[in-house]
Protein backbone atom coordinates (compact mmCIF):
# COMPACT_ATOMS: atom_id res chain seq x y z
CA UNK A 1 105.35 84.76 103.07
CA UNK A 2 106.55 84.78 106.69
CA UNK A 3 105.50 87.50 109.10
CA UNK A 4 107.38 87.70 112.41
CA UNK A 5 106.51 90.32 115.00
CA UNK A 6 109.80 91.14 116.73
CA UNK A 7 108.17 93.65 119.09
CA UNK A 8 104.76 95.24 119.46
CA UNK A 9 103.79 97.80 122.08
CA UNK A 10 104.75 101.08 123.70
CA UNK A 11 108.34 99.92 124.33
CA UNK A 12 109.05 99.23 120.68
CA UNK A 13 107.59 97.98 117.41
CA UNK A 14 109.23 96.02 114.61
CA UNK A 15 107.85 93.45 112.16
CA UNK A 16 109.84 91.27 109.74
CA UNK A 17 108.16 90.13 106.53
CA UNK A 18 110.00 87.59 104.39
CA UNK A 19 109.24 86.42 100.88
CA UNK A 20 110.98 84.06 98.48
CA UNK A 21 114.06 86.17 97.78
CA UNK A 22 113.97 89.13 100.14
CA UNK A 23 112.48 90.68 103.25
CA UNK A 24 111.37 94.04 104.62
CA UNK A 25 110.93 95.52 108.08
CA UNK A 26 107.98 97.61 109.21
CA UNK A 27 109.11 100.07 111.89
CA UNK A 28 112.34 100.10 113.87
CA UNK A 29 111.50 100.87 117.47
CA UNK A 30 114.23 98.72 119.05
CA UNK A 31 117.99 99.13 119.31
CA UNK A 32 120.18 97.53 116.63
CA UNK A 33 121.41 94.91 119.08
CA UNK A 34 117.93 93.94 120.25
CA UNK A 35 116.45 93.94 116.74
CA UNK A 36 119.12 91.64 115.36
CA UNK A 37 119.04 89.41 118.45
CA UNK A 38 115.30 88.88 118.13
CA UNK A 39 115.55 88.44 114.37
CA UNK A 40 118.16 85.71 114.74
CA UNK A 41 116.18 84.04 117.53
CA UNK A 42 113.10 83.98 115.28
CA UNK A 43 114.95 82.45 112.33
CA UNK A 44 114.94 85.56 110.14
CA UNK A 45 117.85 86.81 108.04
CA UNK A 46 119.23 90.34 108.16
CA UNK A 47 120.94 89.73 104.80
CA UNK A 48 117.53 89.38 103.13
CA UNK A 49 116.22 92.76 104.31
CA UNK A 50 115.82 95.20 101.41
CA UNK A 51 114.16 98.20 103.11
CA UNK A 52 112.55 99.55 106.26
CA UNK A 53 108.98 100.91 106.07
CA UNK A 54 107.84 103.33 108.79
CA UNK A 55 104.25 103.86 109.92
CA UNK A 56 104.77 107.18 111.78
CA UNK A 57 107.33 109.23 113.67
CA UNK A 58 106.68 108.24 117.31
CA UNK A 59 109.73 106.94 119.14
CA UNK A 60 108.41 103.44 119.78
CA UNK A 61 108.29 102.96 116.01
CA UNK A 62 111.51 104.59 114.85
CA UNK A 63 113.95 105.24 117.69
CA UNK A 64 116.38 102.69 116.20
CA UNK A 65 115.67 103.62 112.59
CA UNK A 66 118.76 105.49 111.36
CA UNK A 67 121.37 103.26 113.06
CA UNK A 68 119.60 100.11 111.84
CA UNK A 69 119.25 101.40 108.28
CA UNK A 70 122.98 102.23 108.23
CA UNK A 71 123.93 98.82 109.65
CA UNK A 72 121.80 96.98 107.10
CA UNK A 73 122.64 99.48 104.33
CA UNK A 74 119.01 99.69 103.22
CA UNK A 75 116.69 102.60 102.31
CA UNK A 76 113.89 103.91 104.50
CA UNK A 77 110.37 104.51 103.14
CA UNK A 78 107.80 106.74 104.85
CA UNK A 79 105.27 109.46 104.10
CA UNK A 80 106.40 113.05 103.65
CA UNK A 81 104.87 114.05 106.98
CA UNK A 82 106.59 111.24 108.86
CA UNK A 83 109.98 112.00 107.35
CA UNK A 84 109.61 115.74 107.98
CA UNK A 85 108.79 115.15 111.64
CA UNK A 86 111.69 112.73 112.02
CA UNK A 87 114.40 114.50 110.05
CA UNK A 88 113.82 117.96 111.51
CA UNK A 89 114.64 116.76 115.01
CA UNK A 90 117.52 114.37 114.40
CA UNK A 91 121.23 115.14 114.52
CA UNK A 92 123.33 115.14 111.30
CA UNK A 93 124.73 111.77 110.25
CA UNK A 94 128.28 110.91 109.19
CA UNK A 95 126.93 108.20 106.93
CA UNK A 96 123.62 109.42 105.50
CA UNK A 97 120.62 107.13 105.22
CA UNK A 98 118.66 107.07 101.96
CA UNK A 99 115.14 108.26 102.76
CA UNK A 100 112.36 107.83 100.17
CA UNK A 101 109.00 109.55 100.35
CA UNK A 102 105.92 107.49 99.61
CA UNK A 103 102.35 108.62 99.03
CA UNK A 104 99.02 107.16 100.11
CA UNK A 105 97.35 104.80 97.63
CA UNK A 106 100.34 104.71 95.24
CA UNK A 107 101.81 101.16 94.96
CA UNK A 108 105.56 100.76 94.59
CA UNK A 109 107.91 97.80 94.20
CA UNK A 110 110.55 96.58 96.63
CA UNK A 111 112.35 93.53 95.30
CA UNK A 112 109.60 90.89 95.04
CA UNK A 113 107.14 92.93 97.12
CA UNK A 114 104.51 95.42 96.05
CA UNK A 115 103.72 97.91 98.83
CA UNK A 116 100.83 100.33 99.16
CA UNK A 117 100.41 102.78 102.04
CA UNK A 118 97.00 103.86 103.32
CA UNK A 119 96.13 106.57 105.88
CA UNK A 120 95.45 105.70 109.50
CA UNK A 121 93.98 107.94 112.21
CA UNK A 122 96.59 108.76 114.84
CA UNK A 123 98.08 111.83 116.51
CA UNK A 124 101.05 111.91 114.15
CA UNK A 125 101.82 114.08 111.14
CA UNK A 126 100.98 111.64 108.30
CA UNK A 127 100.60 108.10 109.71
CA UNK A 128 99.95 105.07 107.56
CA UNK A 129 99.31 101.37 107.43
CA UNK A 130 100.55 99.06 104.69
CA UNK A 131 99.32 96.44 102.27
CA UNK A 132 102.27 94.20 101.38
CA UNK A 133 101.94 91.79 98.46
CA UNK A 134 104.26 88.95 97.50
CA UNK A 135 103.07 86.67 94.74
CA UNK A 136 99.45 85.86 95.46
CA UNK A 137 99.69 86.64 99.18
CA UNK A 138 98.68 89.96 100.75
CA UNK A 139 99.39 91.12 104.28
CA UNK A 140 97.55 94.11 105.76
CA UNK A 141 99.32 96.03 108.55
CA UNK A 142 97.17 98.40 110.60
CA UNK A 143 98.21 99.63 114.06
CA UNK A 144 98.22 102.96 115.93
CA UNK A 145 94.84 104.19 114.78
CA UNK A 146 91.87 105.45 116.78
CA UNK A 147 89.30 104.31 114.21
CA UNK A 148 89.02 102.02 111.20
CA UNK A 149 87.61 103.98 108.29
CA UNK A 150 85.82 102.66 105.22
CA UNK A 151 88.94 103.38 103.15
CA UNK A 152 91.09 101.40 105.57
CA UNK A 153 88.65 98.50 105.37
CA UNK A 154 89.11 98.40 101.60
CA UNK A 155 92.76 97.49 102.15
CA UNK A 156 92.10 95.06 104.99
CA UNK A 157 89.47 93.25 102.92
CA UNK A 158 92.03 92.77 100.17
CA UNK A 159 94.36 91.01 102.63
CA UNK A 160 94.85 87.30 103.27
CA UNK A 161 96.32 88.03 106.70
CA UNK A 162 96.36 91.13 108.88
CA UNK A 163 98.24 92.62 111.80
CA UNK A 164 95.57 94.66 113.60
CA UNK A 165 95.81 96.89 116.65
CA UNK A 166 93.87 95.78 119.74
CA UNK A 167 95.34 98.23 122.20
CA UNK A 168 93.11 98.43 125.25
CA UNK A 169 90.13 97.12 127.15
CA UNK A 170 87.75 100.11 127.54
CA UNK A 171 86.83 99.17 131.12
CA UNK A 172 90.47 98.66 132.17
CA UNK A 173 91.34 102.03 130.65
CA UNK A 174 88.40 103.73 132.39
CA UNK A 175 89.32 102.40 135.83
CA UNK A 176 93.09 102.34 135.33
CA UNK A 177 95.86 104.61 136.66
CA UNK A 178 96.37 106.83 133.63
CA UNK A 179 95.56 110.56 133.99
CA UNK A 180 92.27 111.57 132.41
CA UNK A 181 93.97 113.59 129.66
CA UNK A 182 95.89 110.50 128.50
CA UNK A 183 92.74 108.37 128.68
CA UNK A 184 90.94 110.85 126.41
CA UNK A 185 93.84 110.76 123.96
CA UNK A 186 93.81 106.96 123.79
CA UNK A 187 90.01 106.82 123.34
CA UNK A 188 89.95 109.55 120.67
CA UNK A 189 89.69 108.98 116.93
CA UNK A 190 93.40 109.84 116.75
CA UNK A 191 94.34 107.46 119.55
CA UNK A 192 94.44 103.67 119.73
CA UNK A 193 92.00 100.94 118.72
CA UNK A 194 90.22 99.19 121.58
CA UNK A 195 89.54 95.46 121.81
CA UNK A 196 85.89 96.22 121.07
CA UNK A 197 86.72 98.18 117.93
CA UNK A 198 89.13 95.49 116.77
CA UNK A 199 86.42 92.88 117.33
CA UNK A 200 83.95 94.88 115.22
CA UNK A 201 86.54 95.18 112.47
CA UNK A 202 87.16 91.43 112.55
CA UNK A 203 83.42 90.80 112.43
CA UNK A 204 83.14 92.91 109.29
CA UNK A 205 86.01 91.06 107.64
CA UNK A 206 84.39 87.69 108.39
CA UNK A 207 85.80 84.69 106.60
CA UNK A 208 87.89 86.68 104.13
CA UNK A 209 90.95 86.71 106.41
CA UNK A 210 92.73 83.47 107.26
CA UNK A 211 95.25 84.85 109.79
CA UNK A 212 94.88 87.72 112.26
CA UNK A 213 97.54 88.94 114.67
CA UNK A 214 96.35 91.33 117.39
CA UNK A 215 99.04 93.92 118.06
CA UNK A 216 100.15 96.92 120.12
CA UNK A 217 98.47 95.70 123.33
CA UNK A 218 98.74 98.03 126.32
CA UNK A 219 100.67 96.55 129.24
CA UNK A 220 98.50 98.49 131.70
CA UNK A 221 95.07 98.52 130.07
CA UNK A 222 94.86 95.12 128.39
CA UNK A 223 95.85 91.47 128.60
CA UNK A 224 96.42 88.91 125.83
CA UNK A 225 93.53 86.78 127.17
CA UNK A 226 91.05 89.67 127.06
CA UNK A 227 92.19 90.73 123.58
CA UNK A 228 91.89 87.15 122.28
CA UNK A 229 88.43 86.76 123.83
CA UNK A 230 87.20 89.87 122.04
CA UNK A 231 88.85 88.77 118.81
CA UNK A 232 87.13 85.39 118.99
CA UNK A 233 83.82 87.13 119.58
CA UNK A 234 84.39 89.08 116.39
CA UNK A 235 85.16 85.92 114.44
CA UNK A 236 81.91 84.30 115.56
CA UNK A 237 81.00 81.42 113.27
CA UNK A 238 84.31 81.74 111.41
CA UNK A 239 86.46 81.07 114.48
CA UNK A 240 87.53 77.64 113.23
CA UNK A 241 88.58 79.07 109.85
CA UNK A 242 90.93 81.78 111.10
CA UNK A 243 94.22 81.63 113.01
CA UNK A 244 94.13 84.29 115.75
CA UNK A 245 97.30 85.19 117.68
CA UNK A 246 98.60 88.02 119.86
CA UNK A 247 101.86 89.86 119.19
CA UNK A 248 104.31 90.01 122.09
CA UNK A 249 106.17 93.09 123.26
CA UNK A 250 109.02 91.18 124.88
CA UNK A 251 110.04 88.79 122.11
CA UNK A 252 109.29 87.38 118.65
CA UNK A 253 105.74 86.20 118.09
CA UNK A 254 105.05 82.98 116.14
CA UNK A 255 105.54 83.47 112.42
CA UNK A 256 103.25 82.83 109.50
CA UNK A 257 105.39 80.64 107.32
CA UNK A 258 104.98 79.00 103.94
CA UNK A 259 103.87 75.90 105.85
CA UNK A 260 100.54 77.72 106.24
CA UNK A 261 98.53 78.31 103.10
CA UNK A 262 97.37 81.92 102.94
């Protein structure tokens, strides 16, 4: 399995996951042109994409969704709440997109992949993370959540590799330029995971995860170096056993390829 983060952050989110015979996208927060440019640059293939999975309805995760789904001629999968929030505010389409509703904790098949959605804690209608399985490899995808619950940990512990939110440094957020109302939203249980919370999650996972990508970093309230430092603290004694990277907002992040045993 290859996992390539094409974009991660408030300006857009999109992740490409490729297996032996097909691929899927998680979120579509970039324009068609930018998505395909980054995909080509990263060595992915648009012809392999079988579907687009959506985590929630916020614009940085789905502003390019309908045009991209039409261009690729693939279905879109999301929870009922996400689709309701999205479809009730969009304009009618000349060429309709096939939207499929998924439910928490109910696995379904997409080509060679088995996908299971789990609830996250965010200020959206019915947000979710995903556990994506191909063969014997499992990838956990968990961003845009204010907390990590016990139920979420069940899915992350089943993963070989995870994409995990590490949005902000609490001190940078506290002293930063954001208005207090926005700071409270980010810190809330329906906001975004801090570096400290991500570190605690990583500590709980221990040696069970071989690859961790920290994602959705704030441009204003975080830096890759600070996020990595906290992530390494969470790894502790297992730091030499786990590959830890940071997803980039401005371009494709290094992929997990079949050259790495998961």
